[in-house]
């Protein structure tokens, strides 16, 4: 069978790449991964071998979202690191029958330079942002090259738009990152509504986001008919969580965060899918996780933070990408006034989720239109397999 190298450049991209790699391994292909930023933890968890050792940077590869982030990446050596990754790719390129890109223009350029056959999943770009997608130079020119055997998009609108622009077939087959959450869990019998809190996964931004979410919960009226679940990554252990929450007046006891006068928060580790599936409202400060929530037909309330990722600008772009079932209160990020308005909006959305079937129907329609149906990873892997000799 074929030897395939995954090229990806971000945490969400690594997740999609790992899921695709697993499907390709099931078909008998030999797969390795070269994450261009980050540790490639998703590949390691999926049992996909990495091509060389990886390194984590504090920006998580999304420093381009701000001048501060760009400077941070330069000072931390991420540009030099990227060049070393490219050198490794060029040194080992002849070992692979196909390069599979998951991401944006950076891995597209790297794959083109390898002079190997390429398939591309453009998970980072969507025509939903502006109506007509403007790919950064030289992405469009490279994608027209004969080296690129197939191009897959993240939604149908983008597939139609890019097919016209590139004058070649661009296909939407679904999004592999949705497969991990669309698999049904057992229902949780409950008469209460549930709020899912998603503070993100990158440290130290995770800690900053969590402090904002704790303050938000304090501002929401305590109610026995609503419970709150915090989906937390393992990198923030109980000791770290205890110290962080204590500074905000909370304390951790038996996986529950408590504060006098505020509703308790259930801390859920390793239960991200269940937290999402059983929620009535998702309150988030994350990238891919918010996309997965929309794909599960959940109303989402954003809480923009200080970054480097989940800033007001990022949140606004995310609303354009994901549509009208993603909500955000007015006000300056992190201000008391914005959080108070967010708390009011959260209660209003919970009421709508309970009473308004129109909102539920709209969430289902947007989920299908913007993220697609389950099985995207399997369909894309089958299409990639068909490209191979």
Protein backbone atom coordinates (compact mmCIF):
# COMPACT_ATOMS: atom_id res chain seq x y z
CA UNK A 1 0.00 0.00 0.00
CA UNK A 2 0.96 3.67 -0.27
CA UNK A 3 3.17 5.75 2.01
CA UNK A 4 1.42 9.01 2.96
CA UNK A 5 2.68 12.05 4.85
CA UNK A 6 0.23 14.36 6.65
CA UNK A 7 1.20 18.04 6.71
CA UNK A 8 -0.84 20.20 9.11
CA UNK A 9 -0.35 23.51 10.86
CA UNK A 10 -2.53 23.96 13.94
CA UNK A 11 -4.29 22.15 16.77
CA UNK A 12 -7.60 21.82 14.91
CA UNK A 13 -5.78 20.83 11.73
CA UNK A 14 -3.84 18.16 13.66
CA UNK A 15 -7.14 16.74 14.93
CA UNK A 16 -8.56 16.44 11.42
CA UNK A 17 -5.26 15.06 10.15
CA UNK A 18 -5.15 12.42 12.88
CA UNK A 19 -8.69 11.29 12.12
CA UNK A 20 -7.89 11.06 8.40
CA UNK A 21 -4.68 9.20 9.17
CA UNK A 22 -6.59 6.59 11.18
CA UNK A 23 -9.01 6.01 8.30
CA UNK A 24 -6.12 5.67 5.85
CA UNK A 25 -4.34 3.25 8.18
CA UNK A 26 -7.51 1.15 8.28
CA UNK A 27 -7.20 0.87 4.50
CA UNK A 28 -3.67 -0.47 4.89
CA UNK A 29 -1.65 2.64 4.04
CA UNK A 30 1.51 3.59 5.92
CA UNK A 31 0.99 7.06 7.34
CA UNK A 32 3.29 9.52 9.10
CA UNK A 33 2.64 13.11 10.17
CA UNK A 34 4.69 16.30 10.12
CA UNK A 35 2.90 18.95 12.23
CA UNK A 36 4.34 22.32 11.28
CA UNK A 37 3.36 23.93 14.61
CA UNK A 38 2.70 22.44 18.02
CA UNK A 39 3.48 19.04 19.44
CA UNK A 40 1.15 17.07 17.20
CA UNK A 41 -0.55 15.59 20.27
CA UNK A 42 -3.60 14.52 18.26
CA UNK A 43 -1.38 12.33 16.07
CA UNK A 44 0.36 10.82 19.08
CA UNK A 45 -2.96 9.99 20.75
CA UNK A 46 -4.15 8.38 17.52
CA UNK A 47 -1.00 6.26 17.24
CA UNK A 48 0.23 8.05 14.09
CA UNK A 49 4.06 8.26 14.04
CA UNK A 50 5.64 11.69 13.63
CA UNK A 51 8.41 12.52 11.20
CA UNK A 52 10.97 13.84 13.70
CA UNK A 53 10.49 15.52 17.07
CA UNK A 54 8.06 18.41 17.51
CA UNK A 55 8.00 21.51 19.69
CA UNK A 56 5.21 23.63 21.25
CA UNK A 57 5.10 27.43 21.12
CA UNK A 58 3.01 29.68 23.35
CA UNK A 59 0.99 31.07 20.43
CA UNK A 60 -0.08 27.60 19.29
CA UNK A 61 0.68 28.60 15.70
CA UNK A 62 -1.93 31.34 15.53
CA UNK A 63 0.33 34.31 16.24
CA UNK A 64 -0.64 35.78 12.86
CA UNK A 65 -3.87 37.03 14.47
CA UNK A 66 -2.04 39.96 16.11
CA UNK A 67 1.18 41.96 15.93
CA UNK A 68 2.04 40.80 19.44
CA UNK A 69 1.57 37.19 18.36
CA UNK A 70 3.80 37.64 15.31
CA UNK A 71 6.57 39.18 17.41
CA UNK A 72 6.22 36.42 20.01
CA UNK A 73 6.66 33.77 17.33
CA UNK A 74 9.77 35.50 15.99
CA UNK A 75 11.38 35.85 19.43
CA UNK A 76 10.56 32.25 20.35
CA UNK A 77 12.15 31.00 17.14
CA UNK A 78 9.01 29.65 15.44
CA UNK A 79 10.04 30.94 12.01
CA UNK A 80 13.37 29.10 12.22
CA UNK A 81 11.53 26.04 13.53
CA UNK A 82 9.22 26.13 10.52
CA UNK A 83 12.20 26.31 8.18
CA UNK A 84 13.72 23.28 9.90
CA UNK A 85 10.44 21.40 9.42
CA UNK A 86 10.48 22.30 5.75
CA UNK A 87 14.06 21.06 5.46
CA UNK A 88 13.04 17.76 7.04
CA UNK A 89 10.18 17.44 4.54
CA UNK A 90 12.47 18.03 1.57
CA UNK A 91 15.05 15.58 2.92
CA UNK A 92 12.52 12.75 3.30
CA UNK A 93 10.06 13.58 0.48
CA UNK A 94 11.00 10.66 -1.78
CA UNK A 95 9.89 8.20 0.91
CA UNK A 96 6.24 9.17 0.34
CA UNK A 97 3.83 8.46 -2.50
CA UNK A 98 1.46 11.26 -1.50
CA UNK A 99 1.56 14.41 0.64
CA UNK A 100 -1.79 15.12 2.33
CA UNK A 101 -2.19 18.77 3.37
CA UNK A 102 -4.59 19.74 6.15
CA UNK A 103 -4.57 23.48 6.71
CA UNK A 104 -3.83 26.64 4.75
CA UNK A 105 -1.28 28.27 2.46
CA UNK A 106 1.80 27.33 4.54
CA UNK A 107 1.50 23.52 4.18
CA UNK A 108 0.24 24.04 0.60
CA UNK A 109 3.51 25.82 -0.24
CA UNK A 110 5.55 23.19 1.60
CA UNK A 111 3.82 20.36 -0.26
CA UNK A 112 4.35 22.06 -3.63
CA UNK A 113 8.06 22.44 -2.90
CA UNK A 114 8.29 18.71 -2.18
CA UNK A 115 7.54 17.98 -5.86
CA UNK A 116 5.44 14.99 -4.77
CA UNK A 117 1.76 14.28 -5.59
CA UNK A 118 -0.50 16.22 -3.20
CA UNK A 119 -4.08 16.08 -1.94
CA UNK A 120 -5.34 19.10 0.00
CA UNK A 121 -8.06 19.56 2.61
CA UNK A 122 -8.46 23.35 2.94
CA UNK A 123 -9.97 23.28 6.41
CA UNK A 124 -8.72 26.81 7.20
CA UNK A 125 -10.60 28.63 4.40
CA UNK A 126 -14.27 29.23 3.75
CA UNK A 127 -16.35 31.40 1.43
CA UNK A 128 -18.71 32.00 4.35
CA UNK A 129 -16.25 34.61 5.65
CA UNK A 130 -16.69 37.09 2.79
CA UNK A 131 -19.05 35.49 0.27
CA UNK A 132 -16.21 35.04 -2.25
CA UNK A 133 -13.04 33.44 -0.95
CA UNK A 134 -9.80 35.34 -1.58
CA UNK A 135 -7.03 32.82 -1.17
CA UNK A 136 -3.69 34.32 -0.06
CA UNK A 137 -0.93 34.41 -2.64
CA UNK A 138 0.32 32.06 -4.02
CA UNK A 139 -2.22 29.48 -2.84
CA UNK A 140 -4.56 29.64 -5.87
CA UNK A 141 -1.71 29.33 -8.36
CA UNK A 142 -0.26 26.32 -6.55
CA UNK A 143 -3.63 24.56 -6.27
CA UNK A 144 -3.98 24.74 -10.07
CA UNK A 145 -0.72 22.81 -10.43
CA UNK A 146 -0.81 19.23 -11.69
CA UNK A 147 0.97 18.19 -8.52
CA UNK A 148 -2.28 18.77 -6.62
CA UNK A 149 -4.36 15.72 -7.46
CA UNK A 150 -7.43 16.70 -5.39
CA UNK A 151 -8.74 19.63 -3.37
CA UNK A 152 -11.35 19.19 -0.64
CA UNK A 153 -13.18 22.07 1.04
CA UNK A 154 -14.77 22.50 4.49
CA UNK A 155 -18.26 23.34 3.16
CA UNK A 156 -20.35 23.19 0.00
CA UNK A 157 -20.37 26.95 -0.59
CA UNK A 158 -16.57 27.00 -0.66
CA UNK A 159 -16.44 23.99 -2.98
CA UNK A 160 -18.65 25.76 -5.53
CA UNK A 161 -16.78 29.06 -5.18
CA UNK A 162 -13.30 27.55 -5.54
CA UNK A 163 -14.34 25.27 -8.40
CA UNK A 164 -15.18 28.42 -10.36
CA UNK A 165 -12.06 30.31 -9.29
CA UNK A 166 -9.55 27.51 -9.80
CA UNK A 167 -11.31 26.08 -12.86
CA UNK A 168 -10.96 22.62 -11.42
CA UNK A 169 -13.13 20.36 -9.30
CA UNK A 170 -13.12 21.18 -5.58
CA UNK A 171 -15.14 18.71 -3.52
CA UNK A 172 -16.95 18.91 -0.19
CA UNK A 173 -17.14 15.50 1.51
CA UNK A 174 -17.72 16.61 5.11
CA UNK A 175 -15.34 17.50 7.92
CA UNK A 176 -13.38 14.73 9.67
CA UNK A 177 -13.23 16.75 12.92
CA UNK A 178 -17.01 16.34 13.22
CA UNK A 179 -16.82 12.53 13.22
CA UNK A 180 -15.42 12.39 16.75
CA UNK A 181 -18.43 14.22 18.23
CA UNK A 182 -21.30 13.09 16.00
CA UNK A 183 -21.06 9.49 17.26
CA UNK A 184 -23.99 9.12 19.63
CA UNK A 185 -23.44 8.82 23.38
CA UNK A 186 -26.02 7.38 25.73
CA UNK A 187 -28.57 10.06 26.68
CA UNK A 188 -28.40 11.59 30.14
CA UNK A 189 -31.90 11.62 31.68
CA UNK A 190 -32.39 15.02 33.26
CA UNK A 191 -35.12 17.57 33.83
CA UNK A 192 -32.58 20.39 33.96
CA UNK A 193 -31.01 22.38 31.17
CA UNK A 194 -27.25 22.10 30.75
CA UNK A 195 -24.66 24.75 29.87
CA UNK A 196 -21.31 23.63 28.41
CA UNK A 197 -18.29 25.83 29.14
CA UNK A 198 -15.43 25.62 26.63
CA UNK A 199 -12.42 27.69 27.75
CA UNK A 200 -10.12 26.40 24.99
CA UNK A 201 -7.06 24.19 25.24
CA UNK A 202 -3.97 26.38 24.85
CA UNK A 203 -2.12 27.51 27.93
CA UNK A 204 -1.70 30.19 29.23
CA UNK A 205 -4.72 31.52 27.31
CA UNK A 206 -6.76 28.72 28.83
CA UNK A 207 -6.24 30.11 32.34
CA UNK A 208 -7.18 33.65 31.28
CA UNK A 209 -10.31 32.39 29.55
CA UNK A 210 -11.34 30.28 32.52
CA UNK A 211 -11.13 33.23 34.88
CA UNK A 212 -13.50 35.15 32.61
CA UNK A 213 -15.93 32.24 32.48
CA UNK A 214 -15.91 31.92 36.27
CA UNK A 215 -16.81 35.59 36.59
CA UNK A 216 -19.55 35.13 33.99
CA UNK A 217 -21.11 32.27 35.97
CA UNK A 218 -21.03 34.44 39.10
CA UNK A 219 -23.09 37.05 37.22
CA UNK A 220 -25.74 34.53 36.14
CA UNK A 221 -28.60 33.94 38.59
CA UNK A 222 -28.30 30.63 40.44
CA UNK A 223 -31.01 28.20 39.43
CA UNK A 224 -31.74 24.56 40.30
CA UNK A 225 -33.17 23.98 36.81
CA UNK A 226 -29.82 24.54 35.08
CA UNK A 227 -26.45 22.82 35.53
CA UNK A 228 -23.04 23.85 34.23
CA UNK A 229 -20.39 21.49 32.82
CA UNK A 230 -16.80 22.61 32.23
CA UNK A 231 -14.98 20.65 29.51
CA UNK A 232 -11.36 20.81 30.63
CA UNK A 233 -8.19 19.46 29.03
CA UNK A 234 -5.83 17.29 31.06
CA UNK A 235 -2.96 19.80 30.80
CA UNK A 236 -4.65 21.90 33.52
CA UNK A 237 -4.55 19.44 36.43
CA UNK A 238 -6.50 19.70 39.68
CA UNK A 239 -3.70 21.45 41.56
CA UNK A 240 -3.40 24.13 38.88
CA UNK A 241 -7.18 24.45 38.69
CA UNK A 242 -7.41 24.79 42.47
CA UNK A 243 -4.85 27.61 42.52
CA UNK A 244 -6.48 29.43 39.61
CA UNK A 245 -10.02 29.15 40.91
CA UNK A 246 -8.99 30.15 44.44
CA UNK A 247 -7.74 33.48 43.12
CA UNK A 248 -11.26 34.10 41.80
CA UNK A 249 -12.97 33.08 45.03
CA UNK A 250 -13.90 29.55 43.96
CA UNK A 251 -12.77 26.24 45.45
CA UNK A 252 -12.55 22.76 43.94
CA UNK A 253 -14.11 19.83 45.78
CA UNK A 254 -14.67 16.37 44.27
CA UNK A 255 -14.50 17.68 40.68
CA UNK A 256 -16.97 20.47 41.40
CA UNK A 257 -16.11 24.17 41.48
CA UNK A 258 -18.14 26.04 44.09
CA UNK A 259 -18.57 29.60 45.26
CA UNK A 260 -21.09 30.99 47.70
CA UNK A 261 -24.03 32.54 45.88
CA UNK A 262 -23.11 31.10 42.48
CA UNK A 263 -24.20 27.94 40.71
CA UNK A 264 -21.77 25.03 40.95
CA UNK A 265 -19.64 24.00 37.96
CA UNK A 266 -19.05 20.32 37.21
CA UNK A 267 -15.47 19.76 36.01
CA UNK A 268 -15.46 17.17 33.21
CA UNK A 269 -12.17 15.74 31.96
CA UNK A 270 -12.00 13.35 29.03
CA UNK A 271 -15.71 13.88 28.41
CA UNK A 272 -15.71 16.61 25.76
CA UNK A 273 -18.07 14.77 23.41
CA UNK A 274 -20.58 14.01 26.16
CA UNK A 275 -20.48 17.58 27.47
CA UNK A 276 -21.23 18.93 23.99
CA UNK A 277 -23.91 16.41 23.11
CA UNK A 278 -25.88 16.86 26.32
CA UNK A 279 -25.75 20.66 26.38
CA UNK A 280 -28.62 23.04 25.65
CA UNK A 281 -26.30 26.04 25.31
CA UNK A 282 -22.55 26.19 24.66
CA UNK A 283 -20.59 29.13 26.07
CA UNK A 284 -17.16 29.12 24.51
CA UNK A 285 -13.78 30.72 23.92
CA UNK A 286 -12.38 28.19 21.46
CA UNK A 287 -11.85 27.50 17.78
CA UNK A 288 -12.51 23.97 16.55
CA UNK A 289 -14.60 23.10 19.63
CA UNK A 290 -17.08 25.87 18.77
CA UNK A 291 -17.29 24.58 15.20
CA UNK A 292 -18.07 21.13 16.57
CA UNK A 293 -20.79 22.60 18.79
CA UNK A 294 -22.43 24.27 15.78
CA UNK A 295 -22.11 21.00 13.85
CA UNK A 296 -24.06 19.34 16.68
CA UNK A 297 -26.84 21.92 16.20
CA UNK A 298 -26.19 23.69 19.50
CA UNK A 299 -26.70 27.44 20.01
CA UNK A 300 -23.37 29.02 20.92
CA UNK A 301 -22.57 32.11 22.99
CA UNK A 302 -19.07 33.55 22.54
CA UNK A 303 -17.03 35.29 25.23
CA UNK A 304 -14.15 37.12 23.48
CA UNK A 305 -10.95 37.25 25.51
CA UNK A 306 -7.49 38.78 25.37
CA UNK A 307 -5.95 36.22 23.03
CA UNK A 308 -3.69 35.35 21.40
CA UNK A 309 -6.42 33.30 19.72
CA UNK A 310 -9.90 34.08 20.98
CA UNK A 311 -9.98 37.85 20.60
CA UNK A 312 -12.92 40.02 19.54
CA UNK A 313 -11.61 39.97 15.95
CA UNK A 314 -11.34 36.16 15.96
CA UNK A 315 -14.84 35.85 17.44
CA UNK A 316 -16.30 38.15 14.77
CA UNK A 317 -14.68 36.11 12.00
CA UNK A 318 -15.98 32.93 13.63
CA UNK A 319 -19.55 34.29 13.55
CA UNK A 320 -19.22 34.96 9.82
CA UNK A 321 -17.95 31.43 9.33
CA UNK A 322 -20.53 29.64 11.47
CA UNK A 323 -23.61 31.78 11.00
CA UNK A 324 -26.55 33.18 12.95
CA UNK A 325 -26.73 30.51 15.67
CA UNK A 326 -23.49 31.86 17.16
CA UNK A 327 -24.19 34.83 19.46
CA UNK A 328 -22.03 37.46 21.15
CA UNK A 329 -22.87 40.31 23.53
CA UNK A 330 -21.74 43.87 22.89
CA UNK A 331 -18.98 45.58 24.83
CA UNK A 332 -15.22 45.58 25.25
CA UNK A 333 -13.67 42.13 25.69
CA UNK A 334 -13.23 41.25 29.35
CA UNK A 335 -15.08 44.29 30.69
CA UNK A 336 -17.60 43.96 33.50
CA UNK A 337 -20.29 45.50 31.28
CA UNK A 338 -19.70 42.98 28.48
CA UNK A 339 -19.81 40.05 30.91
CA UNK A 340 -23.03 41.33 32.50
CA UNK A 341 -24.65 41.57 29.06
CA UNK A 342 -23.31 38.11 28.21
CA UNK A 343 -24.92 36.71 31.38
CA UNK A 344 -28.28 38.23 30.40
CA UNK A 345 -27.96 36.90 26.86
CA UNK A 346 -27.12 33.42 28.18
CA UNK A 347 -30.32 33.30 30.21
CA UNK A 348 -32.35 34.53 27.24
CA UNK A 349 -30.84 31.87 24.97
CA UNK A 350 -31.56 29.13 27.49
CA UNK A 351 -35.17 30.27 27.53
CA UNK A 352 -35.30 30.25 23.72
CA UNK A 353 -33.70 26.80 23.58
CA UNK A 354 -36.49 25.53 25.82
CA UNK A 355 -39.44 27.32 24.21
CA UNK A 356 -38.58 28.15 20.59
CA UNK A 357 -38.66 25.26 18.08
CA UNK A 358 -37.63 27.77 15.40
CA UNK A 359 -34.21 28.16 17.00
CA UNK A 360 -33.78 24.40 17.18
CA UNK A 361 -34.66 24.04 13.48
CA UNK A 362 -32.30 26.86 12.51
CA UNK A 363 -29.46 25.20 14.44
CA UNK A 364 -30.04 21.93 12.56
CA UNK A 365 -30.07 23.67 9.17
CA UNK A 366 -26.90 25.66 9.86
CA UNK A 367 -25.14 22.53 11.14
CA UNK A 368 -25.72 20.70 7.88
CA UNK A 369 -24.99 23.69 5.64
CA UNK A 370 -21.76 24.80 7.35
CA UNK A 371 -20.23 21.57 8.73
CA UNK A 372 -21.85 18.68 6.90
CA UNK A 373 -22.89 15.23 8.05
CA UNK A 374 -21.06 12.46 9.87
CA UNK A 375 -18.63 10.25 7.96
CA UNK A 376 -16.53 13.00 6.39
CA UNK A 377 -13.28 11.31 7.38
CA UNK A 378 -14.26 7.98 5.87
CA UNK A 379 -15.48 9.59 2.63
CA UNK A 380 -12.32 11.69 2.27
CA UNK A 381 -10.04 8.73 3.00
CA UNK A 382 -11.85 6.68 0.34
CA UNK A 383 -11.42 9.51 -2.17
CA UNK A 384 -7.70 9.78 -1.33
CA UNK A 385 -7.30 6.01 -1.67
CA UNK A 386 -8.78 6.26 -5.17
CA UNK A 387 -6.02 8.72 -6.14
CA UNK A 388 -3.25 6.24 -5.34
CA UNK A 389 -1.83 3.81 -7.92
